[in-house]
């Protein structure tokens, strides 16, 4: 009887373990949805770029004297390049053109409207990133905070046309279909966040320019950091970022000689990663081109190193430390395994001890004729 009780106890523990660990052992759980229209990239299938204004990296990161607490926490959680540089020119416009056209087009020192001088006329007729994306059947969209209407080509309130590089290219600004992709972002980037709610509305390449206050141009670091703390978590927690291979890149257009912040975020990124490799705005273009096998726009992006090292599974020389957190289900499973082993050993020992403590059976004495059988009952 006691041996049967031990077996029953062990069987009960095994059943309990399977019941508790079952969900973590289930291999039939559905994989995240994958949009059939999303072009698979080497590092990401969806990209959101946020462009901010006029601050060096150590005006942002609190680790070297900056005051942007949220952007610092984001950089520490995912990864950033400590030697990311703008295009080496000022003011804003030539850097926005570098990011979308692979060249400043001779516009250093100029911040005027589209097709308003020689350098903007050169940009007007240039091949740009949208040409490359569409040629590869990739979708794109640009969101401009406080822009009065699609493809608006001059300053208006807190909308600065020089921060909207897409209207500086003729084959975008004069094409109604493409202009439908350069849109006002709505309050708090509402249109962008709405589009990120589904793969049917999100584009492969998405660009977001906040207004002159929220991009740190006219307002302080704290104001813009407080704005981003409300928007960036919504981007990262959107349906597209939670179910697809999506990446976020945040950077600044320019500084005055030093490095600017260039940081990546998203579930496909390495975490706690810092790279001191030399990068620039051309490197972002190079990364996009390498991701989707796009032809370079100019020798600038062609020769720029891409930023593949920030993505999980890619080699890189940053001071990357893998996460130390261990999956809870495996911890519980291991703990129950140890518990089971201890219980089995103790019960086995008890069973052996019980058997050894039993008195030896007395041999049955032969019956005498006419007498009753006299024997000790087995326990």
Protein backbone atom coordinates (compact mmCIF):
# COMPACT_ATOMS: atom_id res chain seq x y z
CA UNK A 1 0.00 0.00 0.00
CA UNK A 2 2.75 2.45 0.92
CA UNK A 3 4.56 1.84 -2.36
CA UNK A 4 1.36 2.59 -4.26
CA UNK A 5 0.93 5.84 -2.30
CA UNK A 6 4.44 6.93 -3.23
CA UNK A 7 3.79 6.25 -6.90
CA UNK A 8 0.56 8.22 -6.75
CA UNK A 9 2.31 11.17 -5.10
CA UNK A 10 5.05 11.23 -7.74
CA UNK A 11 2.49 10.99 -10.54
CA UNK A 12 0.55 13.90 -9.03
CA UNK A 13 3.66 16.09 -8.95
CA UNK A 14 4.46 15.28 -12.57
CA UNK A 15 0.90 16.16 -13.62
CA UNK A 16 1.18 19.46 -11.69
CA UNK A 17 4.47 20.31 -13.42
CA UNK A 18 3.04 19.68 -16.87
CA UNK A 19 -0.03 21.76 -16.10
CA UNK A 20 2.05 24.71 -14.91
CA UNK A 21 4.70 24.53 -17.60
CA UNK A 22 2.34 23.61 -20.42
CA UNK A 23 1.82 27.12 -21.82
CA UNK A 24 5.57 27.71 -22.02
CA UNK A 25 6.12 24.37 -23.74
CA UNK A 26 3.39 24.85 -26.31
CA UNK A 27 4.95 24.96 -29.78
CA UNK A 28 1.66 25.59 -31.53
CA UNK A 29 1.32 29.25 -30.45
CA UNK A 30 0.61 31.45 -33.48
CA UNK A 31 3.46 33.57 -34.81
CA UNK A 32 3.03 37.36 -35.08
CA UNK A 33 1.08 38.38 -38.13
CA UNK A 34 3.16 39.25 -41.16
CA UNK A 35 1.80 41.64 -43.70
CA UNK A 36 1.98 40.16 -47.19
CA UNK A 37 2.61 43.65 -48.58
CA UNK A 38 5.60 44.36 -46.37
CA UNK A 39 8.89 44.02 -48.23
CA UNK A 40 11.23 41.93 -46.11
CA UNK A 41 14.42 43.75 -45.24
CA UNK A 42 17.69 42.47 -43.86
CA UNK A 43 17.28 44.45 -40.61
CA UNK A 44 13.71 45.79 -40.59
CA UNK A 45 10.53 45.78 -42.65
CA UNK A 46 9.20 49.09 -41.30
CA UNK A 47 11.18 52.19 -40.36
CA UNK A 48 10.13 55.37 -38.53
CA UNK A 49 12.56 58.31 -38.56
CA UNK A 50 12.14 61.28 -36.19
CA UNK A 51 14.17 64.42 -36.96
CA UNK A 52 14.96 66.88 -34.17
CA UNK A 53 16.89 70.14 -34.22
CA UNK A 54 20.16 71.84 -33.38
CA UNK A 55 21.57 70.00 -30.36
CA UNK A 56 24.79 68.10 -29.82
CA UNK A 57 24.81 64.69 -28.18
CA UNK A 58 26.03 66.00 -24.82
CA UNK A 59 23.24 68.54 -24.69
CA UNK A 60 20.88 65.56 -24.73
CA UNK A 61 22.39 62.60 -22.86
CA UNK A 62 22.49 63.13 -19.09
CA UNK A 63 25.59 60.91 -18.91
CA UNK A 64 27.71 63.69 -20.40
CA UNK A 65 25.94 66.82 -19.18
CA UNK A 66 22.68 66.82 -21.13
CA UNK A 67 19.17 67.24 -19.76
CA UNK A 68 16.90 65.02 -21.89
CA UNK A 69 15.93 62.36 -19.36
CA UNK A 70 13.59 60.44 -21.63
CA UNK A 71 15.87 60.35 -24.69
CA UNK A 72 18.70 59.26 -22.39
CA UNK A 73 16.63 56.39 -21.00
CA UNK A 74 15.67 55.35 -24.54
CA UNK A 75 19.31 55.41 -25.68
CA UNK A 76 20.40 53.35 -22.68
CA UNK A 77 17.60 50.81 -23.17
CA UNK A 78 18.37 50.17 -26.83
CA UNK A 79 21.41 51.65 -28.52
CA UNK A 80 23.06 54.79 -29.83
CA UNK A 81 26.11 55.88 -31.80
CA UNK A 82 28.42 58.09 -29.76
CA UNK A 83 30.15 59.33 -32.92
CA UNK A 84 27.20 60.03 -35.21
CA UNK A 85 27.72 63.25 -37.18
CA UNK A 86 25.58 65.41 -39.39
CA UNK A 87 26.67 66.28 -42.93
CA UNK A 88 29.29 68.77 -41.77
CA UNK A 89 27.32 71.78 -42.98
CA UNK A 90 24.90 74.29 -41.49
CA UNK A 91 22.09 75.31 -41.29
CA UNK A 92 19.16 72.85 -41.39
CA UNK A 93 18.22 72.52 -45.05
CA UNK A 94 21.43 70.95 -46.43
CA UNK A 95 21.27 68.28 -43.72
CA UNK A 96 17.66 67.38 -44.53
CA UNK A 97 18.69 67.12 -48.19
CA UNK A 98 21.62 64.87 -47.22
CA UNK A 99 19.22 62.53 -45.43
CA UNK A 100 16.89 62.20 -48.41
CA UNK A 101 19.02 62.99 -51.47
CA UNK A 102 22.52 61.88 -50.52
CA UNK A 103 23.96 65.38 -51.00
CA UNK A 104 23.73 68.93 -49.65
CA UNK A 105 23.51 70.07 -53.31
CA UNK A 106 25.78 73.03 -52.55
CA UNK A 107 23.33 74.50 -50.03
CA UNK A 108 25.59 75.20 -47.01
CA UNK A 109 24.52 78.49 -45.49
CA UNK A 110 21.10 78.42 -47.14
CA UNK A 111 17.69 77.74 -45.63
CA UNK A 112 15.31 79.04 -48.31
CA UNK A 113 12.17 77.67 -49.93
CA UNK A 114 12.09 75.01 -52.65
CA UNK A 115 13.48 76.02 -56.05
CA UNK A 116 14.47 79.45 -54.74
CA UNK A 117 18.16 79.53 -55.72
CA UNK A 118 20.79 77.51 -57.56
CA UNK A 119 21.31 74.77 -54.96
CA UNK A 120 17.62 74.18 -54.39
CA UNK A 121 17.16 74.05 -58.15
CA UNK A 122 19.77 71.28 -58.26
CA UNK A 123 17.89 69.40 -55.55
CA UNK A 124 14.60 70.01 -57.39
CA UNK A 125 15.70 67.78 -60.25
CA UNK A 126 17.62 65.21 -58.23
CA UNK A 127 16.91 61.55 -57.62
CA UNK A 128 15.83 61.00 -54.02
CA UNK A 129 15.05 58.25 -51.53
CA UNK A 130 11.39 58.14 -52.59
CA UNK A 131 12.45 57.24 -56.13
CA UNK A 132 14.49 54.33 -54.79
CA UNK A 133 11.70 53.11 -52.49
CA UNK A 134 8.99 53.16 -55.12
CA UNK A 135 11.25 51.47 -57.68
CA UNK A 136 11.55 48.58 -55.20
CA UNK A 137 7.76 48.47 -54.63
CA UNK A 138 8.17 49.84 -51.09
CA UNK A 139 5.69 52.22 -49.50
CA UNK A 140 6.54 55.52 -47.82
CA UNK A 141 4.89 58.44 -46.05
CA UNK A 142 6.08 61.70 -44.46
CA UNK A 143 4.27 63.34 -41.52
CA UNK A 144 4.77 67.05 -40.77
CA UNK A 145 3.45 68.58 -37.57
CA UNK A 146 1.46 71.83 -38.09
CA UNK A 147 1.77 71.72 -41.87
CA UNK A 148 -1.42 73.38 -43.22
CA UNK A 149 -2.01 70.90 -46.07
CA UNK A 150 -0.32 68.18 -48.08
CA UNK A 151 3.03 69.12 -49.63
CA UNK A 152 2.87 72.69 -48.34
CA UNK A 153 5.83 74.56 -49.84
CA UNK A 154 6.42 77.57 -47.56
CA UNK A 155 6.64 78.46 -43.89
CA UNK A 156 3.46 78.61 -41.83
CA UNK A 157 3.33 79.14 -38.08
CA UNK A 158 5.38 76.41 -36.39
CA UNK A 159 5.78 74.52 -39.67
CA UNK A 160 9.18 75.21 -41.28
CA UNK A 161 9.35 74.14 -44.91
CA UNK A 162 13.14 73.69 -44.64
CA UNK A 163 12.41 70.80 -42.25
CA UNK A 164 10.30 69.07 -44.89
CA UNK A 165 12.82 67.86 -47.47
CA UNK A 166 10.26 66.02 -49.59
CA UNK A 167 8.82 69.22 -51.08
CA UNK A 168 12.29 70.15 -52.38
CA UNK A 169 12.11 67.45 -55.06
CA UNK A 170 10.11 68.14 -58.21
CA UNK A 171 8.97 64.56 -58.77
CA UNK A 172 7.31 64.66 -55.34
CA UNK A 173 6.08 68.24 -55.06
CA UNK A 174 4.44 68.29 -58.49
CA UNK A 175 3.04 64.76 -58.36
CA UNK A 176 -0.44 64.65 -56.75
CA UNK A 177 -0.15 60.96 -55.91
CA UNK A 178 3.14 61.48 -54.13
CA UNK A 179 1.94 64.67 -52.47
CA UNK A 180 -0.82 62.61 -50.89
CA UNK A 181 2.00 60.89 -49.00
CA UNK A 182 3.40 64.14 -47.47
CA UNK A 183 0.73 64.94 -44.90
CA UNK A 184 0.02 66.94 -41.74
CA UNK A 185 0.77 64.69 -38.77
CA UNK A 186 -2.17 65.82 -36.66
CA UNK A 187 -2.00 66.69 -32.98
CA UNK A 188 0.56 64.64 -31.09
CA UNK A 189 1.54 62.74 -34.24
CA UNK A 190 -1.97 61.32 -34.27
CA UNK A 191 -2.01 60.43 -37.98
CA UNK A 192 1.30 58.57 -37.71
CA UNK A 193 0.14 56.67 -34.62
CA UNK A 194 -3.12 55.78 -36.31
CA UNK A 195 -1.29 54.44 -39.36
CA UNK A 196 0.92 52.31 -37.10
CA UNK A 197 -2.20 50.58 -35.85
CA UNK A 198 -2.27 48.25 -38.85
CA UNK A 199 0.02 46.85 -41.52
CA UNK A 200 -2.59 47.93 -44.05
CA UNK A 201 -2.01 51.62 -43.24
CA UNK A 202 1.63 51.69 -42.15
CA UNK A 203 4.32 52.34 -44.76
CA UNK A 204 7.69 50.67 -44.99
CA UNK A 205 9.44 54.06 -44.69
CA UNK A 206 7.91 56.70 -42.40
CA UNK A 207 9.37 60.12 -41.60
CA UNK A 208 8.13 62.42 -38.82
CA UNK A 209 9.11 66.08 -38.35
CA UNK A 210 7.74 67.72 -35.16
CA UNK A 211 6.96 71.43 -35.19
CA UNK A 212 9.49 74.16 -34.35
CA UNK A 213 8.79 73.89 -30.64
CA UNK A 214 8.62 70.13 -30.25
CA UNK A 215 11.78 69.52 -32.31
CA UNK A 216 13.88 71.73 -29.89
CA UNK A 217 14.42 74.47 -32.47
CA UNK A 218 12.42 77.18 -30.69
CA UNK A 219 11.75 75.53 -27.32
CA UNK A 220 14.01 73.97 -24.73
CA UNK A 221 15.25 70.43 -24.38
CA UNK A 222 12.80 69.72 -21.56
CA UNK A 223 9.79 70.73 -23.65
CA UNK A 224 10.70 68.46 -26.54
CA UNK A 225 11.76 65.61 -24.25
CA UNK A 226 8.38 65.84 -22.52
CA UNK A 227 6.68 65.75 -25.91
CA UNK A 228 8.60 62.67 -27.03
CA UNK A 229 7.92 60.78 -23.80
CA UNK A 230 4.26 60.77 -24.81
CA UNK A 231 4.78 59.85 -28.48
CA UNK A 232 7.70 57.43 -28.67
CA UNK A 233 6.22 54.84 -26.26
CA UNK A 234 3.05 54.85 -28.36
CA UNK A 235 5.13 54.20 -31.46
CA UNK A 236 6.98 51.32 -29.79
CA UNK A 237 3.74 49.88 -28.40
CA UNK A 238 1.83 50.20 -31.68
CA UNK A 239 0.50 47.13 -33.45
CA UNK A 240 3.13 47.36 -36.18
CA UNK A 241 6.03 47.62 -33.73
CA UNK A 242 4.69 44.81 -31.55
CA UNK A 243 3.90 42.35 -34.34
CA UNK A 244 6.30 43.24 -37.15
CA UNK A 245 10.01 43.78 -37.64
CA UNK A 246 9.94 47.56 -37.16
CA UNK A 247 12.67 50.01 -36.18
CA UNK A 248 12.73 53.59 -34.89
CA UNK A 249 15.60 55.99 -35.56
CA UNK A 250 15.88 59.34 -33.76
CA UNK A 251 18.49 61.94 -34.65
CA UNK A 252 19.20 65.67 -34.89
CA UNK A 253 19.76 67.60 -38.08
CA UNK A 254 22.92 69.47 -37.03
CA UNK A 255 25.18 70.89 -34.35
CA UNK A 256 28.18 73.14 -34.63
CA UNK A 257 31.08 70.77 -35.11
CA UNK A 258 30.35 67.91 -32.71
CA UNK A 259 28.48 64.65 -32.77
CA UNK A 260 24.69 64.51 -32.63
CA UNK A 261 22.55 61.78 -31.14
CA UNK A 262 21.77 58.90 -33.48
CA UNK A 263 19.75 56.23 -31.67
CA UNK A 264 17.83 53.11 -32.62
CA UNK A 265 14.90 51.46 -30.84
CA UNK A 266 12.60 48.53 -31.50
CA UNK A 267 12.30 44.87 -30.66
CA UNK A 268 14.81 43.81 -33.32
CA UNK A 269 17.60 45.92 -31.82
CA UNK A 270 20.43 44.94 -29.55
CA UNK A 271 19.89 46.33 -26.06
CA UNK A 272 22.28 48.44 -24.01
CA UNK A 273 24.44 48.86 -27.12
CA UNK A 274 26.79 51.79 -27.65
CA UNK A 275 28.97 52.10 -30.72
CA UNK A 276 31.88 54.48 -31.16
CA UNK A 277 32.13 53.73 -34.88
CA UNK A 278 32.08 56.90 -37.01
CA UNK A 279 28.69 57.41 -38.64
CA UNK A 280 26.86 60.28 -40.31
CA UNK A 281 23.53 61.11 -41.92
CA UNK A 282 24.84 59.34 -45.01
CA UNK A 283 25.12 56.20 -42.87
CA UNK A 284 21.37 56.24 -42.25
CA UNK A 285 20.82 56.33 -46.01
CA UNK A 286 23.38 53.57 -46.43
CA UNK A 287 21.57 51.44 -43.83
CA UNK A 288 18.23 51.89 -45.60
CA UNK A 289 19.80 51.00 -48.93
CA UNK A 290 21.54 47.92 -47.52
CA UNK A 291 18.34 46.82 -45.79
CA UNK A 292 16.25 46.77 -48.96
CA UNK A 293 18.98 46.30 -51.57
CA UNK A 294 18.48 49.79 -53.00
CA UNK A 295 20.95 51.47 -55.32
CA UNK A 296 22.89 54.34 -53.68
CA UNK A 297 21.87 57.88 -54.50
CA UNK A 298 25.40 59.34 -54.56
CA UNK A 299 28.94 58.33 -53.69
CA UNK A 300 28.33 59.88 -50.25
CA UNK A 301 25.89 57.21 -49.11
CA UNK A 302 27.59 54.57 -51.25
CA UNK A 303 30.83 55.02 -49.29
CA UNK A 304 29.28 55.58 -45.87
CA UNK A 305 29.36 52.69 -43.38
CA UNK A 306 25.91 51.32 -42.62
CA UNK A 307 24.66 50.82 -39.07
CA UNK A 308 23.89 47.09 -39.23
CA UNK A 309 25.76 46.42 -35.98
CA UNK A 310 22.82 47.83 -33.99
CA UNK A 311 20.53 45.00 -35.07
CA UNK A 312 20.24 41.66 -33.32
CA UNK A 313 22.18 38.88 -35.00
CA UNK A 314 24.58 41.28 -36.74
CA UNK A 315 28.28 41.51 -35.88
CA UNK A 316 29.46 44.72 -34.30
CA UNK A 317 32.16 46.21 -32.16
CA UNK A 318 30.02 48.10 -29.68
CA UNK A 319 30.13 47.41 -25.95
CA UNK A 320 27.03 45.28 -26.26
CA UNK A 321 26.04 43.17 -23.26
CA UNK A 322 23.28 40.62 -23.83
CA UNK A 323 20.27 40.85 -21.52
CA UNK A 324 20.66 38.80 -18.32
CA UNK A 325 16.99 38.27 -17.61
CA UNK A 326 16.05 34.59 -17.93
CA UNK A 327 12.60 33.56 -19.19
CA UNK A 328 10.29 33.11 -16.20
CA UNK A 329 8.75 29.92 -17.56
CA UNK A 330 12.16 28.25 -17.74
CA UNK A 331 13.00 29.39 -14.21
CA UNK A 332 9.76 27.89 -12.89
CA UNK A 333 10.26 24.72 -14.89
CA UNK A 334 13.78 24.27 -13.58
CA UNK A 335 12.65 24.93 -10.02
CA UNK A 336 9.89 22.34 -10.23
CA UNK A 337 12.34 19.87 -11.73
CA UNK A 338 14.64 20.23 -8.74
CA UNK A 339 11.68 20.04 -6.37
CA UNK A 340 10.47 16.84 -8.05
CA UNK A 341 13.90 15.22 -7.84
CA UNK A 342 14.17 15.98 -4.12
CA UNK A 343 10.68 14.62 -3.42
CA UNK A 344 11.36 11.42 -5.37
CA UNK A 345 14.64 10.81 -3.51
CA UNK A 346 13.05 11.42 -0.10
CA UNK A 347 10.07 9.21 -0.84
CA UNK A 348 12.31 6.45 -2.19
CA UNK A 349 14.44 6.58 0.93
CA UNK A 350 11.37 6.47 3.13
CA UNK A 351 10.03 3.51 1.20
CA UNK A 352 13.30 1.61 1.58
CA UNK A 353 13.47 2.52 5.26
CA UNK A 354 9.92 1.31 5.87
CA UNK A 355 10.66 -2.03 4.27
CA UNK A 356 13.84 -2.52 6.29
CA UNK A 357 12.04 -1.76 9.57
CA UNK A 358 9.49 -4.51 9.13
CA UNK A 359 10.02 -7.57 11.36
CA UNK A 360 10.82 -10.75 9.45
CA UNK A 361 7.93 -12.98 8.74
CA UNK A 362 7.64 -16.00 10.96
CA UNK A 363 7.55 -19.28 9.09
CA UNK A 364 4.22 -20.98 9.08
CA UNK A 365 4.15 -23.89 11.52
CA UNK A 366 2.69 -27.18 10.33
CA UNK A 367 -0.84 -27.82 11.33
CA UNK A 368 -1.60 -30.46 13.90
CA UNK A 369 -4.36 -32.83 13.08
CA UNK A 370 -7.66 -31.52 14.22
CA UNK A 371 -6.13 -28.22 15.36
CA UNK A 372 -6.63 -24.63 14.14
CA UNK A 373 -4.09 -22.84 12.07
CA UNK A 374 -2.02 -20.43 14.15
CA UNK A 375 -0.10 -17.73 12.17
CA UNK A 376 0.71 -13.98 12.37
CA UNK A 377 -1.18 -11.90 9.84
CA UNK A 378 0.87 -9.95 7.35
CA UNK A 379 0.72 -6.24 7.87
